Amino acid sequence: MLTIQEINQLIEKLDQSTIEEFSYEASGAKIKLKKNTGDSKTQVVSQPVVQPQETVPQPKVETTTKPEVTTEATETKEEPQPKADYDHEIVSPMVGTFYSSPSPDKPVYVQVGDQVNEDSIVCIVEAMKLFNEIEADVNGTITEILAENGELVEYGQPLFRIKKA
């Protein structure tokens, strides 16, 4: 069975290599890593600036985003939030499944507006049948929950936003 460190090393190696997809299976455990090959492009086009006696067109700028390593083609689109709404983000320390409560019949750990302490448990991330309790790490108020219950989350993916107390 692979450890989280070994999985993180595999992700880094895949990102640095020309391999597009990697699968591993042992003792009933499966892992499949696949590079995000979406050719998303951002185009910024400026209108020509008209000056009193001459017209100077502005250049057209194209940028492409770097391919990211994802597992099982799960992708989360996030809209940037103004930094004033939060001071801290709780990110996933591993690839796994996000759970907002200890079990389906129990209430959620936190909701938007709840006060949390450094040692407050805010969610569980399950990886390879291990349930890892995630703590807030700061004192403050939950301003946003970015993951859905049962959703696959990536290493480093923001899960919560907190306004520090």
N, C-alpha and C. Protein backbone atom coordinates (compact mmCIF):
# COMPACT_ATOMS: atom_id res chain seq x y z
N MET A 1 0.85 -1.17 0.00
CA MET A 1 0.00 0.00 0.00
C MET A 1 0.89 1.24 0.00
N LEU A 2 0.56 2.21 -0.83
CA LEU A 2 1.34 3.43 -0.96
C LEU A 2 1.01 4.40 0.18
N THR A 3 2.03 5.11 0.65
CA THR A 3 1.81 6.16 1.64
C THR A 3 1.47 7.46 0.92
N ILE A 4 0.99 8.42 1.67
CA ILE A 4 0.66 9.73 1.10
C ILE A 4 1.91 10.37 0.51
N GLN A 5 3.04 10.22 1.19
CA GLN A 5 4.31 10.77 0.67
C GLN A 5 4.65 10.15 -0.68
N GLU A 6 4.48 8.85 -0.80
CA GLU A 6 4.79 8.18 -2.06
C GLU A 6 3.83 8.64 -3.17
N ILE A 7 2.58 8.84 -2.84
CA ILE A 7 1.61 9.34 -3.82
C ILE A 7 2.00 10.75 -4.27
N ASN A 8 2.36 11.60 -3.31
CA ASN A 8 2.79 12.96 -3.65
C ASN A 8 4.03 12.93 -4.54
N GLN A 9 4.97 12.01 -4.27
CA GLN A 9 6.17 11.88 -5.11
C GLN A 9 5.78 11.42 -6.52
N LEU A 10 4.82 10.50 -6.62
CA LEU A 10 4.35 10.06 -7.94
C LEU A 10 3.74 11.22 -8.72
N ILE A 11 2.96 12.04 -8.03
CA ILE A 11 2.34 13.20 -8.69
C ILE A 11 3.42 14.13 -9.23
N GLU A 12 4.44 14.41 -8.40
CA GLU A 12 5.52 15.30 -8.84
C GLU A 12 6.27 14.71 -10.03
N LYS A 13 6.58 13.42 -9.97
CA LYS A 13 7.30 12.77 -11.07
C LYS A 13 6.48 12.78 -12.36
N LEU A 14 5.17 12.54 -12.25
CA LEU A 14 4.30 12.56 -13.42
C LEU A 14 4.26 13.96 -14.02
N ASP A 15 4.18 14.96 -13.16
CA ASP A 15 4.12 16.35 -13.62
C ASP A 15 5.40 16.72 -14.39
N GLN A 16 6.54 16.19 -13.97
CA GLN A 16 7.82 16.50 -14.60
C GLN A 16 8.10 15.64 -15.84
N SER A 17 7.36 14.57 -16.01
CA SER A 17 7.63 13.65 -17.12
C SER A 17 6.75 13.94 -18.33
N THR A 18 6.97 13.20 -19.40
CA THR A 18 6.14 13.32 -20.60
C THR A 18 4.99 12.32 -20.58
N ILE A 19 4.91 11.50 -19.55
CA ILE A 19 3.83 10.53 -19.41
C ILE A 19 2.52 11.28 -19.15
N GLU A 20 1.46 10.92 -19.83
CA GLU A 20 0.17 11.59 -19.68
C GLU A 20 -0.71 10.93 -18.62
N GLU A 21 -0.56 9.61 -18.42
CA GLU A 21 -1.45 8.88 -17.51
C GLU A 21 -0.67 7.78 -16.83
N PHE A 22 -0.99 7.52 -15.53
CA PHE A 22 -0.32 6.49 -14.76
C PHE A 22 -1.35 5.76 -13.92
N SER A 23 -1.32 4.42 -13.94
CA SER A 23 -2.22 3.61 -13.13
C SER A 23 -1.40 2.64 -12.31
N TYR A 24 -1.84 2.38 -11.07
CA TYR A 24 -1.16 1.45 -10.18
C TYR A 24 -2.22 0.69 -9.40
N GLU A 25 -2.03 -0.63 -9.29
CA GLU A 25 -2.98 -1.45 -8.56
C GLU A 25 -2.21 -2.51 -7.79
N ALA A 26 -2.50 -2.61 -6.48
CA ALA A 26 -1.86 -3.62 -5.64
C ALA A 26 -2.73 -3.87 -4.42
N SER A 27 -2.89 -5.12 -4.06
CA SER A 27 -3.65 -5.53 -2.87
C SER A 27 -5.04 -4.90 -2.81
N GLY A 28 -5.70 -4.82 -3.92
CA GLY A 28 -7.05 -4.28 -3.97
C GLY A 28 -7.13 -2.75 -3.98
N ALA A 29 -6.00 -2.07 -3.81
CA ALA A 29 -5.98 -0.59 -3.86
C ALA A 29 -5.60 -0.16 -5.27
N LYS A 30 -6.28 0.86 -5.76
CA LYS A 30 -6.03 1.36 -7.11
C LYS A 30 -5.75 2.86 -7.04
N ILE A 31 -4.82 3.30 -7.88
CA ILE A 31 -4.58 4.73 -8.02
C ILE A 31 -4.38 5.01 -9.50
N LYS A 32 -5.02 6.07 -9.98
CA LYS A 32 -4.90 6.46 -11.38
C LYS A 32 -4.63 7.95 -11.42
N LEU A 33 -3.51 8.34 -12.00
CA LEU A 33 -3.14 9.74 -12.13
C LEU A 33 -3.14 10.10 -13.60
N LYS A 34 -3.67 11.25 -13.91
CA LYS A 34 -3.77 11.67 -15.31
C LYS A 34 -3.52 13.16 -15.38
N LYS A 35 -2.68 13.57 -16.34
CA LYS A 35 -2.42 14.99 -16.52
C LYS A 35 -3.64 15.65 -17.13
N ASN A 36 -3.89 16.86 -16.72
CA ASN A 36 -4.96 17.66 -17.30
C ASN A 36 -4.40 18.23 -18.59
N THR A 37 -4.88 17.74 -19.73
CA THR A 37 -4.35 18.18 -21.02
C THR A 37 -5.23 19.20 -21.69
N GLY A 38 -6.16 19.78 -20.94
CA GLY A 38 -7.04 20.80 -21.52
C GLY A 38 -6.22 22.00 -21.98
N ASP A 39 -6.38 22.38 -23.21
CA ASP A 39 -5.65 23.50 -23.77
C ASP A 39 -6.43 24.78 -23.53
N SER A 40 -6.56 25.16 -22.26
CA SER A 40 -7.31 26.37 -21.99
C SER A 40 -6.42 27.58 -22.25
N LYS A 41 -6.95 28.54 -22.94
CA LYS A 41 -6.22 29.75 -23.29
C LYS A 41 -6.98 30.96 -22.80
N THR A 42 -6.23 31.94 -22.36
CA THR A 42 -6.82 33.20 -21.96
C THR A 42 -6.39 34.24 -22.97
N GLN A 43 -7.33 34.94 -23.52
CA GLN A 43 -6.99 35.97 -24.49
C GLN A 43 -7.37 37.33 -23.92
N VAL A 44 -6.44 38.25 -24.04
CA VAL A 44 -6.70 39.62 -23.64
C VAL A 44 -6.53 40.46 -24.88
N VAL A 45 -7.60 41.11 -25.30
CA VAL A 45 -7.56 41.92 -26.51
C VAL A 45 -7.93 43.34 -26.11
N SER A 46 -7.04 44.27 -26.40
CA SER A 46 -7.30 45.68 -26.08
C SER A 46 -7.82 46.38 -27.31
N GLN A 47 -8.69 47.34 -27.11
CA GLN A 47 -9.20 48.15 -28.21
C GLN A 47 -8.14 49.18 -28.57
N PRO A 48 -8.09 49.58 -29.84
CA PRO A 48 -7.11 50.59 -30.23
C PRO A 48 -7.36 51.90 -29.48
N VAL A 49 -6.25 52.54 -29.11
CA VAL A 49 -6.33 53.81 -28.41
C VAL A 49 -6.28 54.92 -29.46
N VAL A 50 -7.28 55.80 -29.45
CA VAL A 50 -7.33 56.88 -30.44
C VAL A 50 -6.73 58.12 -29.80
N GLN A 51 -5.65 58.60 -30.42
CA GLN A 51 -5.02 59.83 -29.96
C GLN A 51 -5.37 60.93 -30.95
N PRO A 52 -5.12 62.19 -30.60
CA PRO A 52 -5.57 63.29 -31.44
C PRO A 52 -5.21 63.15 -32.91
N GLN A 53 -4.01 62.70 -33.28
CA GLN A 53 -3.65 62.68 -34.69
C GLN A 53 -3.27 61.30 -35.21
N GLU A 54 -3.12 60.31 -34.31
CA GLU A 54 -2.77 58.98 -34.82
C GLU A 54 -3.43 57.89 -33.98
N THR A 55 -3.58 56.73 -34.59
CA THR A 55 -4.18 55.58 -33.92
C THR A 55 -3.10 54.56 -33.66
N VAL A 56 -3.01 54.11 -32.39
CA VAL A 56 -1.99 53.12 -32.03
C VAL A 56 -2.71 51.89 -31.51
N PRO A 57 -2.73 50.79 -32.29
CA PRO A 57 -3.39 49.58 -31.79
C PRO A 57 -2.53 48.92 -30.71
N GLN A 58 -3.19 48.37 -29.71
CA GLN A 58 -2.49 47.67 -28.64
C GLN A 58 -2.29 46.22 -29.06
N PRO A 59 -1.20 45.58 -28.59
CA PRO A 59 -0.93 44.19 -28.98
C PRO A 59 -1.93 43.22 -28.39
N LYS A 60 -2.11 42.12 -29.12
CA LYS A 60 -2.97 41.04 -28.66
C LYS A 60 -2.09 40.09 -27.85
N VAL A 61 -2.52 39.73 -26.63
CA VAL A 61 -1.71 38.90 -25.75
C VAL A 61 -2.42 37.58 -25.53
N GLU A 62 -1.70 36.48 -25.73
CA GLU A 62 -2.24 35.15 -25.46
C GLU A 62 -1.36 34.46 -24.45
N THR A 63 -2.00 33.83 -23.46
CA THR A 63 -1.25 33.03 -22.50
C THR A 63 -1.90 31.67 -22.40
N THR A 64 -1.12 30.67 -22.11
CA THR A 64 -1.68 29.34 -21.91
C THR A 64 -1.37 28.93 -20.49
N THR A 65 -2.26 28.12 -19.92
CA THR A 65 -2.04 27.65 -18.56
C THR A 65 -1.24 26.37 -18.59
N LYS A 66 -0.47 26.15 -17.53
CA LYS A 66 0.36 24.95 -17.40
C LYS A 66 -0.55 23.75 -17.12
N PRO A 67 -0.30 22.60 -17.76
CA PRO A 67 -1.10 21.42 -17.46
C PRO A 67 -0.94 21.04 -16.00
N GLU A 68 -2.03 20.64 -15.36
CA GLU A 68 -2.00 20.23 -13.97
C GLU A 68 -2.25 18.73 -13.88
N VAL A 69 -1.72 18.11 -12.83
CA VAL A 69 -1.96 16.70 -12.60
C VAL A 69 -3.27 16.58 -11.84
N THR A 70 -4.19 15.77 -12.36
CA THR A 70 -5.45 15.54 -11.67
C THR A 70 -5.67 14.04 -11.57
N THR A 71 -6.56 13.66 -10.66
CA THR A 71 -6.91 12.25 -10.55
C THR A 71 -8.32 12.07 -11.06
N GLU A 72 -8.53 11.07 -11.88
CA GLU A 72 -9.85 10.68 -12.37
C GLU A 72 -10.64 11.84 -12.99
N ALA A 73 -9.99 12.73 -13.65
CA ALA A 73 -10.63 13.80 -14.42
C ALA A 73 -11.61 14.65 -13.61
N THR A 74 -11.33 14.85 -12.32
CA THR A 74 -12.16 15.71 -11.50
C THR A 74 -11.54 17.09 -11.53
N GLU A 75 -12.35 18.09 -11.81
CA GLU A 75 -11.84 19.44 -11.92
C GLU A 75 -12.82 20.39 -11.26
N THR A 76 -12.32 21.28 -10.44
CA THR A 76 -13.16 22.24 -9.74
C THR A 76 -12.86 23.61 -10.29
N LYS A 77 -13.87 24.31 -10.73
CA LYS A 77 -13.71 25.68 -11.21
C LYS A 77 -14.05 26.60 -10.04
N GLU A 78 -13.12 27.47 -9.70
CA GLU A 78 -13.35 28.41 -8.62
C GLU A 78 -13.27 29.82 -9.16
N GLU A 79 -14.14 30.66 -8.65
CA GLU A 79 -14.07 32.06 -9.01
C GLU A 79 -13.28 32.77 -7.92
N PRO A 80 -12.34 33.62 -8.31
CA PRO A 80 -11.55 34.30 -7.29
C PRO A 80 -12.42 35.19 -6.40
N GLN A 81 -12.14 35.15 -5.11
CA GLN A 81 -12.86 35.95 -4.14
C GLN A 81 -11.98 37.13 -3.74
N PRO A 82 -12.58 38.25 -3.39
CA PRO A 82 -11.78 39.36 -2.91
C PRO A 82 -11.06 38.96 -1.63
N LYS A 83 -9.81 39.33 -1.50
CA LYS A 83 -8.99 38.93 -0.36
C LYS A 83 -9.57 39.46 0.95
N ALA A 84 -10.37 40.51 0.92
CA ALA A 84 -10.93 41.11 2.13
C ALA A 84 -11.90 40.16 2.84
N ASP A 85 -12.49 39.19 2.15
CA ASP A 85 -13.47 38.29 2.75
C ASP A 85 -12.83 37.24 3.64
N TYR A 86 -11.53 37.01 3.50
CA TYR A 86 -10.88 35.98 4.29
C TYR A 86 -9.39 36.30 4.44
N ASP A 87 -8.81 35.74 5.49
CA ASP A 87 -7.38 35.92 5.77
C ASP A 87 -6.61 34.62 5.59
N HIS A 88 -7.31 33.49 5.63
CA HIS A 88 -6.64 32.19 5.67
C HIS A 88 -7.46 31.17 4.89
N GLU A 89 -6.77 30.27 4.18
CA GLU A 89 -7.44 29.15 3.51
C GLU A 89 -6.96 27.85 4.14
N ILE A 90 -7.90 26.98 4.41
CA ILE A 90 -7.56 25.62 4.82
C ILE A 90 -7.52 24.80 3.55
N VAL A 91 -6.37 24.17 3.27
CA VAL A 91 -6.22 23.39 2.05
C VAL A 91 -6.12 21.91 2.39
N SER A 92 -6.44 21.09 1.42
CA SER A 92 -6.38 19.65 1.61
C SER A 92 -4.92 19.20 1.69
N PRO A 93 -4.56 18.46 2.73
CA PRO A 93 -3.17 17.99 2.84
C PRO A 93 -2.89 16.75 1.99
N MET A 94 -3.91 16.27 1.28
CA MET A 94 -3.74 15.04 0.49
C MET A 94 -4.85 14.93 -0.55
N VAL A 95 -4.67 14.00 -1.45
CA VAL A 95 -5.73 13.65 -2.40
C VAL A 95 -6.67 12.70 -1.68
N GLY A 96 -7.96 12.94 -1.77
CA GLY A 96 -8.91 12.06 -1.11
C GLY A 96 -10.33 12.54 -1.28
N THR A 97 -11.23 11.97 -0.48
CA THR A 97 -12.64 12.33 -0.53
C THR A 97 -12.97 13.21 0.66
N PHE A 98 -13.62 14.34 0.39
CA PHE A 98 -13.98 15.33 1.41
C PHE A 98 -15.31 14.92 2.06
N TYR A 99 -15.32 14.92 3.39
CA TYR A 99 -16.56 14.68 4.13
C TYR A 99 -16.76 15.81 5.13
N SER A 100 -17.95 16.40 5.14
CA SER A 100 -18.24 17.55 6.00
C SER A 100 -18.74 17.14 7.39
N SER A 101 -19.02 15.83 7.59
CA SER A 101 -19.48 15.36 8.90
C SER A 101 -18.82 14.02 9.21
N PRO A 102 -18.82 13.61 10.50
CA PRO A 102 -18.17 12.36 10.87
C PRO A 102 -18.85 11.11 10.31
N SER A 103 -20.15 11.20 10.04
CA SER A 103 -20.89 10.11 9.40
C SER A 103 -22.15 10.71 8.78
N PRO A 104 -22.79 9.97 7.87
CA PRO A 104 -23.97 10.54 7.18
C PRO A 104 -25.11 10.96 8.10
N ASP A 105 -25.24 10.31 9.26
CA ASP A 105 -26.35 10.63 10.16
C ASP A 105 -25.99 11.68 11.22
N LYS A 106 -24.77 12.21 11.17
CA LYS A 106 -24.32 13.22 12.14
C LYS A 106 -24.34 14.61 11.48
N PRO A 107 -24.44 15.67 12.30
CA PRO A 107 -24.41 17.03 11.73
C PRO A 107 -23.02 17.38 11.20
N VAL A 108 -22.97 18.38 10.32
CA VAL A 108 -21.70 18.81 9.74
C VAL A 108 -20.81 19.41 10.82
N TYR A 109 -19.49 19.35 10.60
CA TYR A 109 -18.55 19.91 11.56
C TYR A 109 -18.72 21.43 11.66
N VAL A 110 -18.71 22.12 10.51
CA VAL A 110 -18.81 23.58 10.51
C VAL A 110 -19.70 24.06 9.37
N GLN A 111 -20.26 25.25 9.54
CA GLN A 111 -21.04 25.92 8.51
C GLN A 111 -20.50 27.33 8.36
N VAL A 112 -20.89 28.00 7.28
CA VAL A 112 -20.49 29.39 7.08
C VAL A 112 -20.99 30.21 8.26
N GLY A 113 -20.11 31.03 8.84
CA GLY A 113 -20.46 31.86 9.99
C GLY A 113 -20.04 31.27 11.32
N ASP A 114 -19.67 29.99 11.35
CA ASP A 114 -19.24 29.35 12.60
C ASP A 114 -17.86 29.85 13.03
N GLN A 115 -17.70 29.98 14.35
CA GLN A 115 -16.40 30.33 14.94
C GLN A 115 -15.60 29.04 15.12
N VAL A 116 -14.30 29.08 14.78
CA VAL A 116 -13.43 27.91 14.96
C VAL A 116 -12.18 28.31 15.72
N ASN A 117 -11.59 27.33 16.40
CA ASN A 117 -10.31 27.49 17.08
C ASN A 117 -9.25 26.74 16.29
N GLU A 118 -8.00 26.90 16.69
CA GLU A 118 -6.90 26.22 16.00
C GLU A 118 -7.10 24.70 15.95
N ASP A 119 -7.65 24.14 17.02
CA ASP A 119 -7.79 22.68 17.10
C ASP A 119 -9.19 22.19 16.73
N SER A 120 -10.03 23.07 16.20
CA SER A 120 -11.38 22.67 15.78
C SER A 120 -11.30 21.79 14.53
N ILE A 121 -12.00 20.66 14.54
CA ILE A 121 -12.05 19.79 13.35
C ILE A 121 -13.09 20.39 12.41
N VAL A 122 -12.70 20.61 11.15
CA VAL A 122 -13.60 21.23 10.18
C VAL A 122 -14.13 20.23 9.15
N CYS A 123 -13.40 19.12 8.95
CA CYS A 123 -13.85 18.12 7.98
C CYS A 123 -12.98 16.87 8.11
N ILE A 124 -13.29 15.89 7.28
CA ILE A 124 -12.49 14.67 7.16
C ILE A 124 -12.11 14.52 5.69
N VAL A 125 -10.86 14.12 5.43
CA VAL A 125 -10.45 13.75 4.08
C VAL A 125 -10.04 12.29 4.15
N GLU A 126 -10.77 11.45 3.39
CA GLU A 126 -10.49 10.02 3.38
C GLU A 126 -9.55 9.71 2.23
N ALA A 127 -8.46 9.02 2.56
CA ALA A 127 -7.51 8.57 1.55
C ALA A 127 -7.15 7.13 1.84
N MET A 128 -7.41 6.26 0.92
CA MET A 128 -7.09 4.83 1.02
C MET A 128 -7.63 4.22 2.33
N LYS A 129 -8.92 4.45 2.58
CA LYS A 129 -9.64 3.91 3.73
C LYS A 129 -9.17 4.47 5.07
N LEU A 130 -8.34 5.51 5.06
CA LEU A 130 -7.94 6.20 6.28
C LEU A 130 -8.67 7.53 6.35
N PHE A 131 -9.34 7.78 7.47
CA PHE A 131 -10.11 9.00 7.65
C PHE A 131 -9.27 10.00 8.45
N ASN A 132 -8.85 11.07 7.78
CA ASN A 132 -7.96 12.06 8.37
C ASN A 132 -8.76 13.30 8.76
N GLU A 133 -8.77 13.62 10.06
CA GLU A 133 -9.47 14.80 10.54
C GLU A 133 -8.63 16.03 10.23
N ILE A 134 -9.24 17.03 9.63
CA ILE A 134 -8.56 18.26 9.26
C ILE A 134 -8.94 19.35 10.26
N GLU A 135 -7.92 20.00 10.84
CA GLU A 135 -8.15 21.04 11.83
C GLU A 135 -8.05 22.42 11.19
N ALA A 136 -8.64 23.42 11.85
CA ALA A 136 -8.68 24.78 11.31
C ALA A 136 -7.30 25.45 11.29
N ASP A 137 -6.45 25.17 12.25
CA ASP A 137 -5.10 25.75 12.36
C ASP A 137 -5.08 27.23 12.72
N VAL A 138 -6.21 27.92 12.73
CA VAL A 138 -6.29 29.32 13.12
C VAL A 138 -7.60 29.56 13.87
N ASN A 139 -7.64 30.65 14.63
CA ASN A 139 -8.88 31.09 15.27
C ASN A 139 -9.57 32.05 14.33
N GLY A 140 -10.87 31.87 14.13
CA GLY A 140 -11.58 32.79 13.25
C GLY A 140 -12.99 32.33 12.93
N THR A 141 -13.53 32.89 11.84
CA THR A 141 -14.91 32.60 11.41
C THR A 141 -14.87 32.02 10.00
N ILE A 142 -15.60 30.94 9.78
CA ILE A 142 -15.72 30.33 8.45
C ILE A 142 -16.49 31.30 7.55
N THR A 143 -15.85 31.74 6.44
CA THR A 143 -16.54 32.65 5.52
C THR A 143 -17.01 31.94 4.26
N GLU A 144 -16.38 30.79 3.95
CA GLU A 144 -16.77 30.09 2.73
C GLU A 144 -16.34 28.63 2.83
N ILE A 145 -17.21 27.73 2.36
CA ILE A 145 -16.90 26.30 2.24
C ILE A 145 -16.79 26.02 0.75
N LEU A 146 -15.61 25.56 0.31
CA LEU A 146 -15.32 25.43 -1.12
C LEU A 146 -15.48 24.02 -1.67
N ALA A 147 -15.69 23.03 -0.82
CA ALA A 147 -15.82 21.65 -1.28
C ALA A 147 -17.19 21.11 -0.90
N GLU A 148 -17.70 20.20 -1.72
CA GLU A 148 -18.99 19.56 -1.47
C GLU A 148 -18.76 18.22 -0.77
N ASN A 149 -19.71 17.82 0.06
CA ASN A 149 -19.62 16.54 0.74
C ASN A 149 -19.52 15.40 -0.28
N GLY A 150 -18.54 14.51 -0.10
CA GLY A 150 -18.34 13.38 -0.99
C GLY A 150 -17.52 13.70 -2.23
N GLU A 151 -17.05 14.94 -2.36
CA GLU A 151 -16.28 15.36 -3.53
C GLU A 151 -14.82 14.93 -3.41
N LEU A 152 -14.22 14.53 -4.53
CA LEU A 152 -12.80 14.22 -4.57
C LEU A 152 -12.03 15.52 -4.55
N VAL A 153 -11.06 15.64 -3.62
CA VAL A 153 -10.26 16.86 -3.51
C VAL A 153 -8.80 16.53 -3.81
N GLU A 154 -8.09 17.53 -4.30
CA GLU A 154 -6.68 17.41 -4.67
C GLU A 154 -5.79 17.87 -3.53
N TYR A 155 -4.54 17.49 -3.58
CA TYR A 155 -3.53 17.99 -2.65
C TYR A 155 -3.41 19.51 -2.85
N GLY A 156 -3.50 20.27 -1.78
CA GLY A 156 -3.36 21.72 -1.86
C GLY A 156 -4.61 22.47 -2.28
N GLN A 157 -5.69 21.76 -2.57
CA GLN A 157 -6.94 22.41 -2.99
C GLN A 157 -7.57 23.12 -1.79
N PRO A 158 -7.95 24.40 -1.94
CA PRO A 158 -8.62 25.10 -0.84
C PRO A 158 -9.96 24.44 -0.50
N LEU A 159 -10.19 24.23 0.80
CA LEU A 159 -11.44 23.62 1.28
C LEU A 159 -12.32 24.63 1.99
N PHE A 160 -11.70 25.52 2.77
CA PHE A 160 -12.42 26.52 3.56
C PHE A 160 -11.67 27.84 3.49
N ARG A 161 -12.42 28.93 3.66
CA ARG A 161 -11.82 30.25 3.82
C ARG A 161 -12.26 30.78 5.18
N ILE A 162 -11.31 31.38 5.90
CA ILE A 162 -11.55 31.83 7.26
C ILE A 162 -11.11 33.28 7.41
N LYS A 163 -11.92 34.06 8.11
CA LYS A 163 -11.54 35.42 8.52
C LYS A 163 -10.99 35.27 9.93
N LYS A 164 -9.68 35.56 10.09
CA LYS A 164 -9.04 35.39 11.39
C LYS A 164 -9.64 36.32 12.43
N ALA A 165 -9.67 35.81 13.66
CA ALA A 165 -10.21 36.61 14.77
C ALA A 165 -9.15 37.56 15.30
